[in-house]
Amino acid sequence: HIDFVQDFGVVETRIPQLDLLDEPVIKRMKPATVVEQDCGLLRAYALMLQHNLHDIPVVSKTGELVGVASRVDIGVAILSAWSKVE
């Protein structure tokens, strides 16, 4: 049963079909927007804005996930570097 969704502020009153709830996530996934770990901060932020993302997966050259960067992470990094410029 999915009564727990109300704890997350969901106002939906209908219960989805059970076969939909059992469907593998991969069938609903879209291709991920990712950045490589050596991507510049401004490019990563621009991609996040373009795709309306609050977080973006960061991958190695081989495509392995190495972390997740948030808008806050990138903003703090940009602002901290900005204050060092004289």
Protein backbone atom coordinates (compact mmCIF):
# COMPACT_ATOMS: atom_id res chain seq x y z
CA HIS A 1 0.00 0.00 0.00
CA ILE A 2 1.25 3.52 -0.72
CA ASP A 3 -0.20 5.52 2.17
CA PHE A 4 3.32 6.77 2.94
CA VAL A 5 3.26 9.19 -0.04
CA GLN A 6 1.07 11.56 1.95
CA ASP A 7 4.06 12.04 4.26
CA PHE A 8 5.85 13.71 1.34
CA GLY A 9 3.08 16.21 0.63
CA VAL A 10 1.53 14.32 -2.26
CA VAL A 11 -2.10 15.27 -2.73
CA GLU A 12 -2.97 12.51 -5.17
CA THR A 13 -6.00 10.55 -3.98
CA ARG A 14 -5.94 7.82 -6.62
CA ILE A 15 -3.88 4.68 -6.21
CA PRO A 16 -1.92 3.78 -9.37
CA GLN A 17 -2.48 0.43 -11.03
CA LEU A 18 -0.48 -2.29 -9.30
CA ASP A 19 1.23 -3.39 -12.52
CA LEU A 20 2.56 0.16 -12.92
CA LEU A 21 3.97 0.11 -9.39
CA ASP A 22 5.83 -3.11 -10.20
CA GLU A 23 7.29 -1.70 -13.42
CA PRO A 24 11.10 -1.46 -13.43
CA VAL A 25 12.43 2.08 -13.12
CA ILE A 26 14.61 1.62 -16.21
CA LYS A 27 11.47 1.52 -18.38
CA ARG A 28 10.64 5.10 -17.28
CA MET A 29 14.15 6.58 -17.28
CA LYS A 30 15.31 9.26 -19.68
CA PRO A 31 18.97 9.57 -20.70
CA ALA A 32 20.89 11.22 -17.89
CA THR A 33 22.46 14.64 -18.21
CA VAL A 34 25.93 14.29 -16.69
CA VAL A 35 29.21 16.19 -16.58
CA GLU A 36 32.72 14.77 -16.52
CA GLN A 37 34.72 15.43 -13.39
CA ASP A 38 37.02 17.91 -15.15
CA CYS A 39 34.11 19.98 -16.50
CA GLY A 40 34.24 23.69 -15.70
CA LEU A 41 31.93 25.06 -13.02
CA LEU A 42 30.17 27.51 -15.35
CA ARG A 43 29.50 24.83 -17.97
CA ALA A 44 28.10 22.47 -15.32
CA TYR A 45 25.88 25.23 -13.98
CA ALA A 46 24.71 26.16 -17.48
CA LEU A 47 23.73 22.55 -18.15
CA MET A 48 21.82 22.44 -14.89
CA LEU A 49 19.90 25.58 -15.84
CA GLN A 50 19.29 24.35 -19.39
CA HIS A 51 17.86 21.03 -18.16
CA ASN A 52 16.19 22.48 -15.03
CA LEU A 53 18.28 20.31 -12.70
CA HIS A 54 19.06 21.02 -9.06
CA ASP A 55 21.74 18.31 -8.96
CA ILE A 56 23.89 16.79 -11.69
CA PRO A 57 25.74 13.46 -11.73
CA VAL A 58 29.52 13.79 -12.11
CA VAL A 59 31.26 10.96 -13.97
CA SER A 60 34.83 9.88 -14.71
CA LYS A 61 36.24 9.63 -18.23
CA THR A 62 35.04 6.01 -18.26
CA GLY A 63 31.49 7.01 -17.28
CA GLU A 64 31.63 5.83 -13.66
CA LEU A 65 29.69 7.93 -11.18
CA VAL A 66 32.13 9.80 -8.93
CA GLY A 67 29.65 12.12 -7.24
CA VAL A 68 26.70 14.46 -7.49
CA ALA A 69 27.08 18.25 -7.65
CA SER A 70 24.28 20.56 -6.59
CA ARG A 71 23.58 24.13 -7.64
CA VAL A 72 24.63 25.14 -4.13
CA ASP A 73 27.94 23.25 -4.44
CA ILE A 74 28.73 25.00 -7.69
CA GLY A 75 27.53 28.40 -6.51
CA VAL A 76 29.65 28.23 -3.35
CA ALA A 77 32.71 27.21 -5.37
CA ILE A 78 32.23 30.07 -7.83
CA LEU A 79 31.64 32.65 -5.10
CA SER A 80 34.59 31.51 -2.98
CA ALA A 81 36.91 31.75 -5.99
CA TRP A 82 35.43 35.13 -6.87
CA SER A 83 36.34 36.67 -3.52
CA LYS A 84 40.02 35.75 -4.06
CA VAL A 85 40.29 37.81 -7.24
CA GLU A 86 41.89 41.20 -6.62
